[in-house]
Amino acid sequence: MSRPSVFENMEIEAPQPTRRAREGRVEKAAKPTPTKAETEIFRTSLYLTRAVHDVLREIAFTERKKVHELFVEGIDHVLRSRRHPTTREINDSVKAS
C-alpha cells in the first residue's frame, strides 16, 4: 500500500511558460554590476593544519584581534622584508589616485 499524497486534493496550476520560453528565446538575467569596493577585494584560500589554526585563534583571542588581522600582519612583514610598502600604504596610495 502506498502512502497518500498531501497534494492530491489541491488544485494547483503550473505556471505557463512565456512566449519567449516556448520559442526557445530565454534571456539570461543580467548580472549586477559590482561596486568599486567589490572589484578591489580579492578572496583567497589558505590551508592550515588544525594545530596552526588553533594557535592563531589563541593569539587573536589574547590580543583581541581577528585571525584575519594576524594574516595581514604576516603579509605586511613579508612586504617590508622585501622593501615594499605595507598593505595600508598600498591601499592609501590607490585611494589617493
PDB file of N, CA and C in Angstrom:
ATOM      1  N   MET A   1       0.825  -1.169   0.000  1.00  0.00           N
ATOM      2  CA  MET A   1       0.000   0.000   0.000  1.00  0.00           C
ATOM      3  C   MET A   1       0.879   1.245   0.000  1.00  0.00           C
ATOM      4  N   SER A   2       0.601   2.173  -0.895  1.00  0.00           N
ATOM      5  CA  SER A   2       1.422   3.383  -0.983  1.00  0.00           C
ATOM      6  C   SER A   2       0.869   4.471  -0.075  1.00  0.00           C
ATOM      7  N   ARG A   3       1.694   5.363   0.230  1.00  0.00           N
ATOM      8  CA  ARG A   3       1.343   6.463   1.106  1.00  0.00           C
ATOM      9  C   ARG A   3       0.534   7.507   0.334  1.00  0.00           C
ATOM     10  N   PRO A   4      -0.528   8.081   0.879  1.00  0.00           N
ATOM     11  CA  PRO A   4      -1.316   9.071   0.143  1.00  0.00           C
ATOM     12  C   PRO A   4      -0.551  10.381  -0.006  1.00  0.00           C
ATOM     13  N   SER A   5      -0.796  11.082  -1.087  1.00  0.00           N
ATOM     14  CA  SER A   5      -0.139  12.355  -1.352  1.00  0.00           C
ATOM     15  C   SER A   5      -0.868  13.475  -0.630  1.00  0.00           C
ATOM     16  N   VAL A   6      -0.123  14.388  -0.040  1.00  0.00           N
ATOM     17  CA  VAL A   6      -0.740  15.528   0.620  1.00  0.00           C
ATOM     18  C   VAL A   6      -1.215  16.561  -0.399  1.00  0.00           C
ATOM     19  N   PHE A   7      -0.747  16.453  -1.622  1.00  0.00           N
ATOM     20  CA  PHE A   7      -1.124  17.396  -2.671  1.00  0.00           C
ATOM     21  C   PHE A   7      -2.237  16.859  -3.572  1.00  0.00           C
ATOM     22  N   GLU A   8      -2.734  15.705  -3.248  1.00  0.00           N
ATOM     23  CA  GLU A   8      -3.703  15.018  -4.103  1.00  0.00           C
ATOM     24  C   GLU A   8      -4.954  15.843  -4.368  1.00  0.00           C
ATOM     25  N   ASN A   9      -5.502  16.481  -3.347  1.00  0.00           N
ATOM     26  CA  ASN A   9      -6.770  17.196  -3.492  1.00  0.00           C
ATOM     27  C   ASN A   9      -6.592  18.689  -3.753  1.00  0.00           C
ATOM     28  N   MET A  10      -5.376  19.144  -3.886  1.00  0.00           N
ATOM     29  CA  MET A  10      -5.132  20.563  -4.105  1.00  0.00           C
ATOM     30  C   MET A  10      -5.223  20.886  -5.589  1.00  0.00           C
ATOM     31  N   GLU A  11      -5.803  22.043  -5.884  1.00  0.00           N
ATOM     32  CA  GLU A  11      -5.881  22.486  -7.271  1.00  0.00           C
ATOM     33  C   GLU A  11      -4.795  23.532  -7.505  1.00  0.00           C
ATOM     34  N   ILE A  12      -3.672  23.086  -7.982  1.00  0.00           N
ATOM     35  CA  ILE A  12      -2.534  23.972  -8.220  1.00  0.00           C
ATOM     36  C   ILE A  12      -2.267  24.001  -9.712  1.00  0.00           C
ATOM     37  N   GLU A  13      -2.213  25.211 -10.260  1.00  0.00           N
ATOM     38  CA  GLU A  13      -1.921  25.346 -11.683  1.00  0.00           C
ATOM     39  C   GLU A  13      -0.431  25.584 -11.859  1.00  0.00           C
ATOM     40  N   ALA A  14       0.149  24.848 -12.755  1.00  0.00           N
ATOM     41  CA  ALA A  14       1.561  25.041 -13.057  1.00  0.00           C
ATOM     42  C   ALA A  14       1.712  26.329 -13.845  1.00  0.00           C
ATOM     43  N   PRO A  15       2.764  27.105 -13.604  1.00  0.00           N
ATOM     44  CA  PRO A  15       2.949  28.343 -14.358  1.00  0.00           C
ATOM     45  C   PRO A  15       3.180  28.036 -15.836  1.00  0.00           C
ATOM     46  N   GLN A  16       2.563  28.836 -16.665  1.00  0.00           N
ATOM     47  CA  GLN A  16       2.700  28.644 -18.111  1.00  0.00           C
ATOM     48  C   GLN A  16       3.973  29.327 -18.592  1.00  0.00           C
ATOM     49  N   PRO A  17       4.737  28.673 -19.466  1.00  0.00           N
ATOM     50  CA  PRO A  17       5.951  29.304 -19.979  1.00  0.00           C
ATOM     51  C   PRO A  17       5.598  30.525 -20.827  1.00  0.00           C
ATOM     52  N   THR A  18       6.465  31.501 -20.810  1.00  0.00           N
ATOM     53  CA  THR A  18       6.247  32.702 -21.606  1.00  0.00           C
ATOM     54  C   THR A  18       6.430  32.388 -23.083  1.00  0.00           C
ATOM     55  N   ARG A  19       6.002  33.320 -23.918  1.00  0.00           N
ATOM     56  CA  ARG A  19       6.127  33.115 -25.360  1.00  0.00           C
ATOM     57  C   ARG A  19       7.594  32.931 -25.758  1.00  0.00           C
ATOM     58  N   ARG A  20       8.473  33.741 -25.149  1.00  0.00           N
ATOM     59  CA  ARG A  20       9.902  33.626 -25.470  1.00  0.00           C
ATOM     60  C   ARG A  20      10.449  32.263 -25.081  1.00  0.00           C
ATOM     61  N   ALA A  21      10.006  31.752 -23.920  1.00  0.00           N
ATOM     62  CA  ALA A  21      10.475  30.440 -23.469  1.00  0.00           C
ATOM     63  C   ALA A  21       9.970  29.348 -24.405  1.00  0.00           C
ATOM     64  N   ARG A  22       8.699  29.468 -24.865  1.00  0.00           N
ATOM     65  CA  ARG A  22       8.168  28.467 -25.791  1.00  0.00           C
ATOM     66  C   ARG A  22       8.929  28.474 -27.103  1.00  0.00           C
ATOM     67  N   GLU A  23       9.390  29.668 -27.496  1.00  0.00           N
ATOM     68  CA  GLU A  23      10.114  29.790 -28.761  1.00  0.00           C
ATOM     69  C   GLU A  23      11.609  29.540 -28.590  1.00  0.00           C
ATOM     70  N   GLY A  24      12.038  29.287 -27.369  1.00  0.00           N
ATOM     71  CA  GLY A  24      13.455  28.992 -27.119  1.00  0.00           C
ATOM     72  C   GLY A  24      14.310  30.237 -27.028  1.00  0.00           C
ATOM     73  N   ARG A  25      13.692  31.395 -26.811  1.00  0.00           N
ATOM     74  CA  ARG A  25      14.443  32.646 -26.728  1.00  0.00           C
ATOM     75  C   ARG A  25      14.489  33.136 -25.282  1.00  0.00           C
ATOM     76  N   VAL A  26      14.992  32.327 -24.408  1.00  0.00           N
ATOM     77  CA  VAL A  26      15.071  32.695 -22.997  1.00  0.00           C
ATOM     78  C   VAL A  26      16.317  33.544 -22.795  1.00  0.00           C
ATOM     79  N   GLU A  27      16.133  34.695 -22.186  1.00  0.00           N
ATOM     80  CA  GLU A  27      17.262  35.585 -21.918  1.00  0.00           C
ATOM     81  C   GLU A  27      17.778  35.331 -20.506  1.00  0.00           C
ATOM     82  N   LYS A  28      19.075  35.367 -20.367  1.00  0.00           N
ATOM     83  CA  LYS A  28      19.671  35.206 -19.046  1.00  0.00           C
ATOM     84  C   LYS A  28      19.534  36.516 -18.292  1.00  0.00           C
ATOM     85  N   ALA A  29      19.376  36.399 -16.985  1.00  0.00           N
ATOM     86  CA  ALA A  29      19.285  37.589 -16.148  1.00  0.00           C
ATOM     87  C   ALA A  29      20.631  38.300 -16.144  1.00  0.00           C
ATOM     88  N   ALA A  30      20.595  39.605 -16.242  1.00  0.00           N
ATOM     89  CA  ALA A  30      21.833  40.381 -16.250  1.00  0.00           C
ATOM     90  C   ALA A  30      22.477  40.337 -14.869  1.00  0.00           C
ATOM     91  N   LYS A  31      23.784  40.167 -14.839  1.00  0.00           N
ATOM     92  CA  LYS A  31      24.499  40.171 -13.570  1.00  0.00           C
ATOM     93  C   LYS A  31      24.579  41.604 -13.059  1.00  0.00           C
ATOM     94  N   PRO A  32      24.401  41.788 -11.756  1.00  0.00           N
ATOM     95  CA  PRO A  32      24.530  43.152 -11.236  1.00  0.00           C
ATOM     96  C   PRO A  32      25.964  43.633 -11.378  1.00  0.00           C
ATOM     97  N   THR A  33      26.109  44.895 -11.679  1.00  0.00           N
ATOM     98  CA  THR A  33      27.436  45.482 -11.834  1.00  0.00           C
ATOM     99  C   THR A  33      28.084  45.590 -10.458  1.00  0.00           C
ATOM    100  N   PRO A  34      29.289  45.021 -10.295  1.00  0.00           N
ATOM    101  CA  PRO A  34      29.932  45.102  -8.988  1.00  0.00           C
ATOM    102  C   PRO A  34      30.323  46.536  -8.664  1.00  0.00           C
ATOM    103  N   THR A  35      30.249  46.882  -7.389  1.00  0.00           N
ATOM    104  CA  THR A  35      30.664  48.211  -6.966  1.00  0.00           C
ATOM    105  C   THR A  35      32.182  48.289  -6.976  1.00  0.00           C
ATOM    106  N   LYS A  36      32.713  49.494  -6.860  1.00  0.00           N
ATOM    107  CA  LYS A  36      34.155  49.684  -6.887  1.00  0.00           C
ATOM    108  C   LYS A  36      34.837  48.898  -5.762  1.00  0.00           C
ATOM    109  N   ALA A  37      34.224  48.915  -4.578  1.00  0.00           N
ATOM    110  CA  ALA A  37      34.816  48.200  -3.440  1.00  0.00           C
ATOM    111  C   ALA A  37      34.865  46.701  -3.694  1.00  0.00           C
ATOM    112  N   GLU A  38      33.840  46.155  -4.352  1.00  0.00           N
ATOM    113  CA  GLU A  38      33.822  44.719  -4.622  1.00  0.00           C
ATOM    114  C   GLU A  38      34.903  44.320  -5.618  1.00  0.00           C
ATOM    115  N   THR A  39      35.225  45.191  -6.560  1.00  0.00           N
ATOM    116  CA  THR A  39      36.225  44.843  -7.569  1.00  0.00           C
ATOM    117  C   THR A  39      37.639  44.958  -7.017  1.00  0.00           C
ATOM    118  N   GLU A  40      37.817  45.671  -5.896  1.00  0.00           N
ATOM    119  CA  GLU A  40      39.148  45.848  -5.330  1.00  0.00           C
ATOM    120  C   GLU A  40      39.483  44.798  -4.276  1.00  0.00           C
ATOM    121  N   ILE A  41      38.545  43.957  -3.917  1.00  0.00           N
ATOM    122  CA  ILE A  41      38.768  42.929  -2.902  1.00  0.00           C
ATOM    123  C   ILE A  41      38.899  41.582  -3.596  1.00  0.00           C
ATOM    124  N   PHE A  42      39.956  40.864  -3.262  1.00  0.00           N
ATOM    125  CA  PHE A  42      40.151  39.523  -3.794  1.00  0.00           C
ATOM    126  C   PHE A  42      40.101  38.545  -2.643  1.00  0.00           C
ATOM    127  N   ARG A  43      39.446  37.433  -2.872  1.00  0.00           N
ATOM    128  CA  ARG A  43      39.368  36.391  -1.859  1.00  0.00           C
ATOM    129  C   ARG A  43      40.312  35.266  -2.251  1.00  0.00           C
ATOM    130  N   THR A  44      40.877  34.652  -1.242  1.00  0.00           N
ATOM    131  CA  THR A  44      41.781  33.542  -1.494  1.00  0.00           C
ATOM    132  C   THR A  44      41.629  32.522  -0.379  1.00  0.00           C
ATOM    133  N   SER A  45      42.066  31.335  -0.635  1.00  0.00           N
ATOM    134  CA  SER A  45      42.003  30.282   0.368  1.00  0.00           C
ATOM    135  C   SER A  45      43.372  30.073   0.972  1.00  0.00           C
ATOM    136  N   LEU A  46      43.380  29.733   2.228  1.00  0.00           N
ATOM    137  CA  LEU A  46      44.614  29.458   2.937  1.00  0.00           C
ATOM    138  C   LEU A  46      44.412  28.145   3.675  1.00  0.00           C
ATOM    139  N   TYR A  47      45.250  27.184   3.417  1.00  0.00           N
ATOM    140  CA  TYR A  47      45.121  25.869   4.037  1.00  0.00           C
ATOM    141  C   TYR A  47      46.110  25.752   5.181  1.00  0.00           C
ATOM    142  N   LEU A  48      45.580  25.541   6.382  1.00  0.00           N
ATOM    143  CA  LEU A  48      46.393  25.413   7.583  1.00  0.00           C
ATOM    144  C   LEU A  48      46.032  24.119   8.291  1.00  0.00           C
ATOM    145  N   THR A  49      46.987  23.593   9.040  1.00  0.00           N
ATOM    146  CA  THR A  49      46.645  22.443   9.879  1.00  0.00           C
ATOM    147  C   THR A  49      45.797  22.948  11.046  1.00  0.00           C
ATOM    148  N   ARG A  50      45.067  22.060  11.645  1.00  0.00           N
ATOM    149  CA  ARG A  50      44.219  22.413  12.786  1.00  0.00           C
ATOM    150  C   ARG A  50      45.071  23.010  13.905  1.00  0.00           C
ATOM    151  N   ALA A  51      46.248  22.441  14.145  1.00  0.00           N
ATOM    152  CA  ALA A  51      47.098  22.911  15.245  1.00  0.00           C
ATOM    153  C   ALA A  51      47.536  24.357  15.021  1.00  0.00           C
ATOM    154  N   VAL A  52      47.943  24.682  13.789  1.00  0.00           N
ATOM    155  CA  VAL A  52      48.374  26.050  13.475  1.00  0.00           C
ATOM    156  C   VAL A  52      47.190  27.005  13.624  1.00  0.00           C
ATOM    157  N   HIS A  53      46.039  26.607  13.119  1.00  0.00           N
ATOM    158  CA  HIS A  53      44.860  27.463  13.211  1.00  0.00           C
ATOM    159  C   HIS A  53      44.473  27.693  14.669  1.00  0.00           C
ATOM    160  N   ASP A  54      44.568  26.665  15.486  1.00  0.00           N
ATOM    161  CA  ASP A  54      44.248  26.812  16.907  1.00  0.00           C
ATOM    162  C   ASP A  54      45.179  27.810  17.593  1.00  0.00           C
ATOM    163  N   VAL A  55      46.462  27.752  17.263  1.00  0.00           N
ATOM    164  CA  VAL A  55      47.418  28.697  17.851  1.00  0.00           C
ATOM    165  C   VAL A  55      47.098  30.117  17.399  1.00  0.00           C
ATOM    166  N   LEU A  56      46.787  30.289  16.117  1.00  0.00           N
ATOM    167  CA  LEU A  56      46.440  31.621  15.616  1.00  0.00           C
ATOM    168  C   LEU A  56      45.170  32.152  16.287  1.00  0.00           C
ATOM    169  N   ARG A  57      44.194  31.290  16.502  1.00  0.00           N
ATOM    170  CA  ARG A  57      42.964  31.705  17.186  1.00  0.00           C
ATOM    171  C   ARG A  57      43.260  32.117  18.624  1.00  0.00           C
ATOM    172  N   GLU A  58      44.153  31.379  19.263  1.00  0.00           N
ATOM    173  CA  GLU A  58      44.519  31.708  20.639  1.00  0.00           C
ATOM    174  C   GLU A  58      45.211  33.072  20.703  1.00  0.00           C
ATOM    175  N   ILE A  59      46.141  33.306  19.782  1.00  0.00           N
ATOM    176  CA  ILE A  59      46.831  34.607  19.728  1.00  0.00           C
ATOM    177  C   ILE A  59      45.823  35.726  19.473  1.00  0.00           C
ATOM    178  N   ALA A  60      44.941  35.511  18.510  1.00  0.00           N
ATOM    179  CA  ALA A  60      43.942  36.527  18.181  1.00  0.00           C
ATOM    180  C   ALA A  60      43.044  36.813  19.383  1.00  0.00           C
ATOM    181  N   PHE A  61      42.651  35.776  20.089  1.00  0.00           N
ATOM    182  CA  PHE A  61      41.804  35.961  21.267  1.00  0.00           C
ATOM    183  C   PHE A  61      42.537  36.754  22.338  1.00  0.00           C
ATOM    184  N   THR A  62      43.783  36.371  22.590  1.00  0.00           N
ATOM    185  CA  THR A  62      44.570  37.025  23.624  1.00  0.00           C
ATOM    186  C   THR A  62      44.799  38.499  23.296  1.00  0.00           C
ATOM    187  N   GLU A  63      45.040  38.792  22.023  1.00  0.00           N
ATOM    188  CA  GLU A  63      45.306  40.175  21.602  1.00  0.00           C
ATOM    189  C   GLU A  63      44.042  40.922  21.193  1.00  0.00           C
ATOM    190  N   ARG A  64      42.891  40.269  21.361  1.00  0.00           N
ATOM    191  CA  ARG A  64      41.599  40.860  20.982  1.00  0.00           C
ATOM    192  C   ARG A  64      41.603  41.339  19.534  1.00  0.00           C
ATOM    193  N   LYS A  65      42.032  40.452  18.662  1.00  0.00           N
ATOM    194  CA  LYS A  65      42.068  40.715  17.229  1.00  0.00           C
ATOM    195  C   LYS A  65      41.338  39.598  16.511  1.00  0.00           C
ATOM    196  N   LYS A  66      41.224  39.736  15.216  1.00  0.00           N
ATOM    197  CA  LYS A  66      40.690  38.665  14.382  1.00  0.00           C
ATOM    198  C   LYS A  66      41.875  37.948  13.734  1.00  0.00           C
ATOM    199  N   VAL A  67      41.664  36.692  13.401  1.00  0.00           N
ATOM    200  CA  VAL A  67      42.723  35.918  12.747  1.00  0.00           C
ATOM    201  C   VAL A  67      43.117  36.602  11.443  1.00  0.00           C
ATOM    202  N   HIS A  68      42.154  37.189  10.752  1.00  0.00           N
ATOM    203  CA  HIS A  68      42.435  37.911   9.508  1.00  0.00           C
ATOM    204  C   HIS A  68      43.470  39.015   9.724  1.00  0.00           C
ATOM    205  N   GLU A  69      43.359  39.723  10.851  1.00  0.00           N
ATOM    206  CA  GLU A  69      44.330  40.784  11.155  1.00  0.00           C
ATOM    207  C   GLU A  69      45.738  40.213  11.321  1.00  0.00           C
ATOM    208  N   LEU A  70      45.829  39.016  11.882  1.00  0.00           N
ATOM    209  CA  LEU A  70      47.147  38.373  12.012  1.00  0.00           C
ATOM    210  C   LEU A  70      47.699  38.021  10.632  1.00  0.00           C
ATOM    211  N   PHE A  71      46.833  37.577   9.732  1.00  0.00           N
ATOM    212  CA  PHE A  71      47.275  37.285   8.366  1.00  0.00           C
ATOM    213  C   PHE A  71      47.809  38.548   7.700  1.00  0.00           C
ATOM    214  N   VAL A  72      47.105  39.653   7.878  1.00  0.00           N
ATOM    215  CA  VAL A  72      47.545  40.916   7.272  1.00  0.00           C
ATOM    216  C   VAL A  72      48.878  41.346   7.873  1.00  0.00           C
ATOM    217  N   GLU A  73      49.057  41.137   9.179  1.00  0.00           N
ATOM    218  CA  GLU A  73      50.359  41.429   9.806  1.00  0.00           C
ATOM    219  C   GLU A  73      51.464  40.613   9.140  1.00  0.00           C
ATOM    220  N   GLY A  74      51.171  39.351   8.889  1.00  0.00           N
ATOM    221  CA  GLY A  74      52.166  38.499   8.233  1.00  0.00           C
ATOM    222  C   GLY A  74      52.473  38.968   6.819  1.00  0.00           C
ATOM    223  N   ILE A  75      51.451  39.390   6.098  1.00  0.00           N
ATOM    224  CA  ILE A  75      51.658  39.906   4.739  1.00  0.00           C
ATOM    225  C   ILE A  75      52.488  41.173   4.794  1.00  0.00           C
ATOM    226  N   ASP A  76      52.187  42.051   5.767  1.00  0.00           N
ATOM    227  CA  ASP A  76      52.979  43.274   5.919  1.00  0.00           C
ATOM    228  C   ASP A  76      54.438  42.956   6.223  1.00  0.00           C
ATOM    229  N   HIS A  77      54.670  41.946   7.039  1.00  0.00           N
ATOM    230  CA  HIS A  77      56.045  41.533   7.361  1.00  0.00           C
ATOM    231  C   HIS A  77      56.778  41.085   6.095  1.00  0.00           C
ATOM    232  N   VAL A  78      56.118  40.289   5.281  1.00  0.00           N
ATOM    233  CA  VAL A  78      56.731  39.824   4.027  1.00  0.00           C
ATOM    234  C   VAL A  78      57.019  41.005   3.104  1.00  0.00           C
ATOM    235  N   LEU A  79      56.059  41.921   2.996  1.00  0.00           N
ATOM    236  CA  LEU A  79      56.254  43.084   2.120  1.00  0.00           C
ATOM    237  C   LEU A  79      57.409  43.951   2.607  1.00  0.00           C
ATOM    238  N   ARG A  80      57.451  44.255   3.920  1.00  0.00           N
ATOM    239  CA  ARG A  80      58.522  45.088   4.461  1.00  0.00           C
ATOM    240  C   ARG A  80      59.889  44.424   4.309  1.00  0.00           C
ATOM    241  N   SER A  81      59.952  43.117   4.538  1.00  0.00           N
ATOM    242  CA  SER A  81      61.244  42.425   4.443  1.00  0.00           C
ATOM    243  C   SER A  81      61.777  42.415   3.010  1.00  0.00           C
ATOM    244  N   ARG A  82      60.905  42.667   2.046  1.00  0.00           N
ATOM    245  CA  ARG A  82      61.317  42.734   0.642  1.00  0.00           C
ATOM    246  C   ARG A  82      61.296  44.172   0.119  1.00  0.00           C
ATOM    247  N   ARG A  83      61.305  45.127   1.055  1.00  0.00           N
ATOM    248  CA  ARG A  83      61.379  46.558   0.757  1.00  0.00           C
ATOM    249  C   ARG A  83      60.214  47.077  -0.089  1.00  0.00           C
ATOM    250  N   HIS A  84      59.016  46.596   0.241  1.00  0.00           N
ATOM    251  CA  HIS A  84      57.795  47.080  -0.398  1.00  0.00           C
ATOM    252  C   HIS A  84      56.965  47.811   0.638  1.00  0.00           C
ATOM    253  N   PRO A  85      56.067  48.675   0.212  1.00  0.00           N
ATOM    254  CA  PRO A  85      55.187  49.336   1.182  1.00  0.00           C
ATOM    255  C   PRO A  85      54.220  48.329   1.808  1.00  0.00           C
ATOM    256  N   THR A  86      53.701  48.685   2.970  1.00  0.00           N
ATOM    257  CA  THR A  86      52.755  47.799   3.664  1.00  0.00           C
ATOM    258  C   THR A  86      51.405  47.827   2.959  1.00  0.00           C
ATOM    259  N   THR A  87      50.507  46.954   3.382  1.00  0.00           N
ATOM    260  CA  THR A  87      49.175  46.896   2.778  1.00  0.00           C
ATOM    261  C   THR A  87      48.442  48.221   2.952  1.00  0.00           C
ATOM    262  N   ARG A  88      48.565  48.833   4.113  1.00  0.00           N
ATOM    263  CA  ARG A  88      47.903  50.127   4.356  1.00  0.00           C
ATOM    264  C   ARG A  88      48.478  51.204   3.427  1.00  0.00           C
ATOM    265  N   GLU A  89      49.794  51.241   3.278  1.00  0.00           N
ATOM    266  CA  GLU A  89      50.413  52.244   2.405  1.00  0.00           C
ATOM    267  C   GLU A  89      49.997  52.038   0.945  1.00  0.00           C
ATOM    268  N   ILE A  90      49.920  50.786   0.534  1.00  0.00           N
ATOM    269  CA  ILE A  90      49.490  50.489  -0.834  1.00  0.00           C
ATOM    270  C   ILE A  90      48.048  50.928  -1.026  1.00  0.00           C
ATOM    271  N   ASN A  91      47.168  50.573  -0.093  1.00  0.00           N
ATOM    272  CA  ASN A  91      45.752  50.944  -0.208  1.00  0.00           C
ATOM    273  C   ASN A  91      45.549  52.455  -0.167  1.00  0.00           C
ATOM    274  N   ASP A  92      46.312  53.160   0.688  1.00  0.00           N
ATOM    275  CA  ASP A  92      46.204  54.616   0.747  1.00  0.00           C
ATOM    276  C   ASP A  92      46.632  55.264  -0.560  1.00  0.00           C
ATOM    277  N   SER A  93      47.687  54.722  -1.183  1.00  0.00           N
ATOM    278  CA  SER A  93      48.155  55.311  -2.455  1.00  0.00           C
ATOM    279  C   SER A  93      47.152  55.053  -3.579  1.00  0.00           C
ATOM    280  N   VAL A  94      46.464  53.915  -3.534  1.00  0.00           N
ATOM    281  CA  VAL A  94      45.451  53.628  -4.551  1.00  0.00           C
ATOM    282  C   VAL A  94      44.249  54.552  -4.366  1.00  0.00           C
ATOM    283  N   LYS A  95      43.843  54.790  -3.111  1.00  0.00           N
ATOM    284  CA  LYS A  95      42.709  55.670  -2.840  1.00  0.00           C
ATOM    285  C   LYS A  95      43.015  57.104  -3.245  1.00  0.00           C
ATOM    286  N   ALA A  96      44.281  57.522  -3.081  1.00  0.00           N
ATOM    287  CA  ALA A  96      44.664  58.876  -3.431  1.00  0.00           C
ATOM    288  C   ALA A  96      44.684  59.091  -4.945  1.00  0.00           C
ATOM    289  N   SER A  97      44.841  58.037  -5.690  1.00  0.00           N
ATOM    290  CA  SER A  97      44.912  58.155  -7.161  1.00  0.00           C
ATOM    291  C   SER A  97      43.582  58.462  -7.784  1.00  0.00           C
TER     292      SER A  97
END
